[in-house]
């Protein structure tokens, strides 16, 4: 996959309406495909924000949260 591609609409498991994507597998795939960014666009909340941020930090510095 091209590194120029960026997902602009991802609903995670925390989305109240239509999410199924889990945070840790998402972060692993982003790293695997060397994607520079992704847009998590939850519906009605931002419950995944802390878990996503912690997973990204752990991925970058290679330690578990």
PDB file of N, CA and C in Angstrom:
ATOM      1  N   UNK A   1       0.847  -1.176   0.000  1.00  0.00           N
ATOM      2  CA  UNK A   1       0.000   0.000   0.000  1.00  0.00           C
ATOM      3  C   UNK A   1       0.894   1.241   0.000  1.00  0.00           C
ATOM      4  N   UNK A   2       0.497   2.247  -0.708  1.00  0.00           N
ATOM      5  CA  UNK A   2       1.274   3.472  -0.811  1.00  0.00           C
ATOM      6  C   UNK A   2       1.296   4.236   0.507  1.00  0.00           C
ATOM      7  N   UNK A   3       2.446   4.817   0.841  1.00  0.00           N
ATOM      8  CA  UNK A   3       2.539   5.609   2.073  1.00  0.00           C
ATOM      9  C   UNK A   3       1.812   6.942   1.939  1.00  0.00           C
ATOM     10  N   UNK A   4       1.377   7.270   0.742  1.00  0.00           N
ATOM     11  CA  UNK A   4       0.633   8.515   0.552  1.00  0.00           C
ATOM     12  C   UNK A   4      -0.847   8.361   0.883  1.00  0.00           C
ATOM     13  N   UNK A   5      -1.290   7.130   1.080  1.00  0.00           N
ATOM     14  CA  UNK A   5      -2.692   6.883   1.384  1.00  0.00           C
ATOM     15  C   UNK A   5      -2.970   7.111   2.860  1.00  0.00           C
ATOM     16  N   UNK A   6      -4.071   7.805   3.165  1.00  0.00           N
ATOM     17  CA  UNK A   6      -4.474   8.055   4.549  1.00  0.00           C
ATOM     18  C   UNK A   6      -5.962   7.774   4.681  1.00  0.00           C
ATOM     19  N   UNK A   7      -6.312   6.919   5.636  1.00  0.00           N
ATOM     20  CA  UNK A   7      -7.734   6.680   5.912  1.00  0.00           C
ATOM     21  C   UNK A   7      -8.317   7.918   6.580  1.00  0.00           C
ATOM     22  N   UNK A   8      -9.405   8.432   6.044  1.00  0.00           N
ATOM     23  CA  UNK A   8     -10.007   9.647   6.586  1.00  0.00           C
ATOM     24  C   UNK A   8     -11.289   9.388   7.371  1.00  0.00           C
ATOM     25  N   UNK A   9     -11.674   8.134   7.494  1.00  0.00           N
ATOM     26  CA  UNK A   9     -12.890   7.844   8.256  1.00  0.00           C
ATOM     27  C   UNK A   9     -12.805   6.445   8.850  1.00  0.00           C
ATOM     28  N   UNK A  10     -12.346   6.360  10.087  1.00  0.00           N
ATOM     29  CA  UNK A  10     -12.260   5.081  10.785  1.00  0.00           C
ATOM     30  C   UNK A  10     -13.115   5.170  12.039  1.00  0.00           C
ATOM     31  N   UNK A  11     -14.043   4.232  12.174  1.00  0.00           N
ATOM     32  CA  UNK A  11     -14.862   4.146  13.375  1.00  0.00           C
ATOM     33  C   UNK A  11     -14.371   2.944  14.170  1.00  0.00           C
ATOM     34  N   UNK A  12     -13.928   3.152  15.392  1.00  0.00           N
ATOM     35  CA  UNK A  12     -13.406   2.051  16.196  1.00  0.00           C
ATOM     36  C   UNK A  12     -14.520   1.380  16.987  1.00  0.00           C
ATOM     37  N   UNK A  13     -14.114   0.395  17.783  1.00  0.00           N
ATOM     38  CA  UNK A  13     -15.049  -0.351  18.624  1.00  0.00           C
ATOM     39  C   UNK A  13     -15.785   0.552  19.617  1.00  0.00           C
ATOM     40  N   UNK A  14     -15.287   1.762  19.833  1.00  0.00           N
ATOM     41  CA  UNK A  14     -15.901   2.679  20.791  1.00  0.00           C
ATOM     42  C   UNK A  14     -16.986   3.553  20.171  1.00  0.00           C
ATOM     43  N   UNK A  15     -17.133   3.502  18.874  1.00  0.00           N
ATOM     44  CA  UNK A  15     -18.167   4.279  18.206  1.00  0.00           C
ATOM     45  C   UNK A  15     -19.530   3.717  18.601  1.00  0.00           C
ATOM     46  N   UNK A  16     -20.442   4.574  18.981  1.00  0.00           N
ATOM     47  CA  UNK A  16     -21.740   4.124  19.467  1.00  0.00           C
ATOM     48  C   UNK A  16     -22.642   3.596  18.360  1.00  0.00           C
ATOM     49  N   UNK A  17     -22.368   3.954  17.124  1.00  0.00           N
ATOM     50  CA  UNK A  17     -23.272   3.609  16.041  1.00  0.00           C
ATOM     51  C   UNK A  17     -22.773   2.448  15.186  1.00  0.00           C
ATOM     52  N   UNK A  18     -21.568   2.563  14.630  1.00  0.00           N
ATOM     53  CA  UNK A  18     -21.154   1.574  13.626  1.00  0.00           C
ATOM     54  C   UNK A  18     -19.667   1.267  13.614  1.00  0.00           C
ATOM     55  N   UNK A  19     -19.081   1.035  14.764  1.00  0.00           N
ATOM     56  CA  UNK A  19     -17.652   0.746  14.789  1.00  0.00           C
ATOM     57  C   UNK A  19     -17.351  -0.705  15.067  1.00  0.00           C
ATOM     58  N   UNK A  20     -16.279  -1.208  14.460  1.00  0.00           N
ATOM     59  CA  UNK A  20     -15.854  -2.586  14.712  1.00  0.00           C
ATOM     60  C   UNK A  20     -14.326  -2.691  14.806  1.00  0.00           C
ATOM     61  N   UNK A  21     -13.612  -1.696  14.367  1.00  0.00           N
ATOM     62  CA  UNK A  21     -12.148  -1.718  14.333  1.00  0.00           C
ATOM     63  C   UNK A  21     -11.596  -1.618  15.756  1.00  0.00           C
ATOM     64  N   UNK A  22     -10.725  -2.548  16.113  1.00  0.00           N
ATOM     65  CA  UNK A  22     -10.083  -2.507  17.430  1.00  0.00           C
ATOM     66  C   UNK A  22      -8.804  -1.683  17.344  1.00  0.00           C
ATOM     67  N   UNK A  23      -8.484  -1.005  18.443  1.00  0.00           N
ATOM     68  CA  UNK A  23      -7.382  -0.035  18.458  1.00  0.00           C
ATOM     69  C   UNK A  23      -6.019  -0.675  18.208  1.00  0.00           C
ATOM     70  N   UNK A  24      -5.635  -1.681  18.998  1.00  0.00           N
ATOM     71  CA  UNK A  24      -4.286  -2.254  18.875  1.00  0.00           C
ATOM     72  C   UNK A  24      -4.026  -2.859  17.491  1.00  0.00           C
ATOM     73  N   UNK A  25      -4.957  -3.635  16.922  1.00  0.00           N
ATOM     74  CA  UNK A  25      -4.725  -4.120  15.551  1.00  0.00           C
ATOM     75  C   UNK A  25      -4.650  -2.976  14.531  1.00  0.00           C
ATOM     76  N   UNK A  26      -5.412  -1.918  14.754  1.00  0.00           N
ATOM     77  CA  UNK A  26      -5.349  -0.750  13.866  1.00  0.00           C
ATOM     78  C   UNK A  26      -3.955  -0.138  13.885  1.00  0.00           C
ATOM     79  N   UNK A  27      -3.409   0.058  15.075  1.00  0.00           N
ATOM     80  CA  UNK A  27      -2.076   0.655  15.203  1.00  0.00           C
ATOM     81  C   UNK A  27      -1.024  -0.237  14.552  1.00  0.00           C
ATOM     82  N   UNK A  28      -1.155  -1.563  14.721  1.00  0.00           N
ATOM     83  CA  UNK A  28      -0.205  -2.490  14.098  1.00  0.00           C
ATOM     84  C   UNK A  28      -0.262  -2.409  12.577  1.00  0.00           C
ATOM     85  N   UNK A  29      -1.466  -2.344  12.021  1.00  0.00           N
ATOM     86  CA  UNK A  29      -1.607  -2.250  10.561  1.00  0.00           C
ATOM     87  C   UNK A  29      -1.089  -0.913  10.036  1.00  0.00           C
ATOM     88  N   UNK A  30      -1.337   0.161  10.766  1.00  0.00           N
ATOM     89  CA  UNK A  30      -0.822   1.467  10.342  1.00  0.00           C
ATOM     90  C   UNK A  30       0.702   1.426  10.261  1.00  0.00           C
ATOM     91  N   UNK A  31       1.328   0.806  11.259  1.00  0.00           N
ATOM     92  CA  UNK A  31       2.787   0.691  11.254  1.00  0.00           C
ATOM     93  C   UNK A  31       3.264  -0.246  10.141  1.00  0.00           C
ATOM     94  N   UNK A  32       2.560  -1.361   9.967  1.00  0.00           N
ATOM     95  CA  UNK A  32       2.935  -2.335   8.936  1.00  0.00           C
ATOM     96  C   UNK A  32       2.889  -1.727   7.536  1.00  0.00           C
ATOM     97  N   UNK A  33       1.848  -0.939   7.273  1.00  0.00           N
ATOM     98  CA  UNK A  33       1.702  -0.303   5.965  1.00  0.00           C
ATOM     99  C   UNK A  33       2.412   1.052   5.881  1.00  0.00           C
ATOM    100  N   UNK A  34       3.086   1.429   6.960  1.00  0.00           N
ATOM    101  CA  UNK A  34       3.843   2.683   7.031  1.00  0.00           C
ATOM    102  C   UNK A  34       2.985   3.896   6.665  1.00  0.00           C
ATOM    103  N   UNK A  35       1.776   3.908   7.184  1.00  0.00           N
ATOM    104  CA  UNK A  35       0.873   5.033   6.936  1.00  0.00           C
ATOM    105  C   UNK A  35       1.245   6.185   7.861  1.00  0.00           C
ATOM    106  N   UNK A  36       1.372   7.390   7.332  1.00  0.00           N
ATOM    107  CA  UNK A  36       1.797   8.529   8.145  1.00  0.00           C
ATOM    108  C   UNK A  36       0.693   9.070   9.043  1.00  0.00           C
ATOM    109  N   UNK A  37      -0.569   8.719   8.767  1.00  0.00           N
ATOM    110  CA  UNK A  37      -1.688   9.265   9.542  1.00  0.00           C
ATOM    111  C   UNK A  37      -2.935   8.424   9.302  1.00  0.00           C
ATOM    112  N   UNK A  38      -3.926   8.640  10.145  1.00  0.00           N
ATOM    113  CA  UNK A  38      -5.255   8.046   9.980  1.00  0.00           C
ATOM    114  C   UNK A  38      -6.233   8.904  10.770  1.00  0.00           C
ATOM    115  N   UNK A  39      -7.453   8.989  10.304  1.00  0.00           N
ATOM    116  CA  UNK A  39      -8.453   9.815  10.979  1.00  0.00           C
ATOM    117  C   UNK A  39      -9.484   8.929  11.669  1.00  0.00           C
ATOM    118  N   UNK A  40      -9.482   8.949  12.994  1.00  0.00           N
ATOM    119  CA  UNK A  40     -10.488   8.228  13.762  1.00  0.00           C
ATOM    120  C   UNK A  40     -11.658   9.181  13.957  1.00  0.00           C
ATOM    121  N   UNK A  41     -12.773   8.838  13.366  1.00  0.00           N
ATOM    122  CA  UNK A  41     -13.938   9.729  13.370  1.00  0.00           C
ATOM    123  C   UNK A  41     -15.118   9.020  14.026  1.00  0.00           C
ATOM    124  N   UNK A  42     -15.097   8.952  15.340  1.00  0.00           N
ATOM    125  CA  UNK A  42     -16.161   8.278  16.077  1.00  0.00           C
ATOM    126  C   UNK A  42     -17.483   9.025  15.921  1.00  0.00           C
ATOM    127  N   UNK A  43     -18.558   8.301  16.113  1.00  0.00           N
ATOM    128  CA  UNK A  43     -19.878   8.919  16.078  1.00  0.00           C
ATOM    129  C   UNK A  43     -20.322   9.168  17.520  1.00  0.00           C
ATOM    130  N   UNK A  44     -20.595  10.401  17.848  1.00  0.00           N
ATOM    131  CA  UNK A  44     -21.191  10.802  19.129  1.00  0.00           C
ATOM    132  C   UNK A  44     -20.254  10.804  20.332  1.00  0.00           C
ATOM    133  N   UNK A  45     -18.977  10.480  20.185  1.00  0.00           N
ATOM    134  CA  UNK A  45     -18.069  10.475  21.339  1.00  0.00           C
ATOM    135  C   UNK A  45     -16.622  10.413  20.877  1.00  0.00           C
ATOM    136  N   UNK A  46     -15.732  10.493  21.838  1.00  0.00           N
ATOM    137  CA  UNK A  46     -14.304  10.293  21.574  1.00  0.00           C
ATOM    138  C   UNK A  46     -13.721   9.341  22.620  1.00  0.00           C
ATOM    139  N   UNK A  47     -14.480   8.297  22.958  1.00  0.00           N
ATOM    140  CA  UNK A  47     -14.067   7.356  23.987  1.00  0.00           C
ATOM    141  C   UNK A  47     -12.753   6.668  23.669  1.00  0.00           C
ATOM    142  N   UNK A  48     -12.434   6.510  22.410  1.00  0.00           N
ATOM    143  CA  UNK A  48     -11.223   5.781  22.024  1.00  0.00           C
ATOM    144  C   UNK A  48      -9.958   6.628  22.080  1.00  0.00           C
ATOM    145  N   UNK A  49     -10.088   7.905  22.304  1.00  0.00           N
ATOM    146  CA  UNK A  49      -8.948   8.824  22.218  1.00  0.00           C
ATOM    147  C   UNK A  49      -7.778   8.415  23.111  1.00  0.00           C
ATOM    148  N   UNK A  50      -8.028   8.132  24.379  1.00  0.00           N
ATOM    149  CA  UNK A  50      -6.952   7.795  25.314  1.00  0.00           C
ATOM    150  C   UNK A  50      -6.305   6.467  24.933  1.00  0.00           C
ATOM    151  N   UNK A  51      -7.121   5.466  24.629  1.00  0.00           N
ATOM    152  CA  UNK A  51      -6.575   4.149  24.259  1.00  0.00           C
ATOM    153  C   UNK A  51      -5.774   4.239  22.967  1.00  0.00           C
ATOM    154  N   UNK A  52      -6.260   5.009  22.005  1.00  0.00           N
ATOM    155  CA  UNK A  52      -5.544   5.188  20.746  1.00  0.00           C
ATOM    156  C   UNK A  52      -4.209   5.887  20.984  1.00  0.00           C
ATOM    157  N   UNK A  53      -4.215   6.945  21.747  1.00  0.00           N
ATOM    158  CA  UNK A  53      -2.984   7.685  22.032  1.00  0.00           C
ATOM    159  C   UNK A  53      -1.965   6.807  22.750  1.00  0.00           C
ATOM    160  N   UNK A  54      -2.408   6.061  23.755  1.00  0.00           N
ATOM    161  CA  UNK A  54      -1.494   5.167  24.475  1.00  0.00           C
ATOM    162  C   UNK A  54      -0.922   4.084  23.564  1.00  0.00           C
ATOM    163  N   UNK A  55      -1.757   3.541  22.684  1.00  0.00           N
ATOM    164  CA  UNK A  55      -1.280   2.509  21.754  1.00  0.00           C
ATOM    165  C   UNK A  55      -0.276   3.065  20.758  1.00  0.00           C
ATOM    166  N   UNK A  56      -0.525   4.265  20.289  1.00  0.00           N
ATOM    167  CA  UNK A  56       0.413   4.890  19.350  1.00  0.00           C
ATOM    168  C   UNK A  56       1.749   5.189  20.018  1.00  0.00           C
ATOM    169  N   UNK A  57       1.706   5.707  21.229  1.00  0.00           N
ATOM    170  CA  UNK A  57       2.946   5.998  21.958  1.00  0.00           C
ATOM    171  C   UNK A  57       3.718   4.708  22.212  1.00  0.00           C
ATOM    172  N   UNK A  58       3.015   3.657  22.644  1.00  0.00           N
ATOM    173  CA  UNK A  58       3.670   2.372  22.886  1.00  0.00           C
ATOM    174  C   UNK A  58       4.273   1.810  21.604  1.00  0.00           C
ATOM    175  N   UNK A  59       3.582   1.994  20.489  1.00  0.00           N
ATOM    176  CA  UNK A  59       4.083   1.509  19.214  1.00  0.00           C
ATOM    177  C   UNK A  59       5.357   2.243  18.796  1.00  0.00           C
ATOM    178  N   UNK A  60       5.369   3.530  19.010  1.00  0.00           N
ATOM    179  CA  UNK A  60       6.521   4.337  18.608  1.00  0.00           C
ATOM    180  C   UNK A  60       7.739   4.023  19.465  1.00  0.00           C
ATOM    181  N   UNK A  61       7.559   3.936  20.785  1.00  0.00           N
ATOM    182  CA  UNK A  61       8.685   3.715  21.683  1.00  0.00           C
ATOM    183  C   UNK A  61       8.865   2.270  22.114  1.00  0.00           C
ATOM    184  N   UNK A  62       8.102   1.364  21.493  1.00  0.00           N
ATOM    185  CA  UNK A  62       8.236  -0.079  21.714  1.00  0.00           C
ATOM    186  C   UNK A  62       8.160  -0.498  23.179  1.00  0.00           C
ATOM    187  N   UNK A  63       7.145  -0.038  23.871  1.00  0.00           N
ATOM    188  CA  UNK A  63       6.876  -0.548  25.205  1.00  0.00           C
ATOM    189  C   UNK A  63       5.377  -0.710  25.375  1.00  0.00           C
ATOM    190  N   UNK A  64       4.982  -1.561  26.310  1.00  0.00           N
ATOM    191  CA  UNK A  64       3.558  -1.838  26.481  1.00  0.00           C
ATOM    192  C   UNK A  64       2.938  -0.897  27.496  1.00  0.00           C
ATOM    193  N   UNK A  65       1.654  -0.632  27.256  1.00  0.00           N
ATOM    194  CA  UNK A  65       0.896   0.260  28.145  1.00  0.00           C
ATOM    195  C   UNK A  65      -0.084  -0.571  28.932  1.00  0.00           C
TER     196      UNK A  65
END
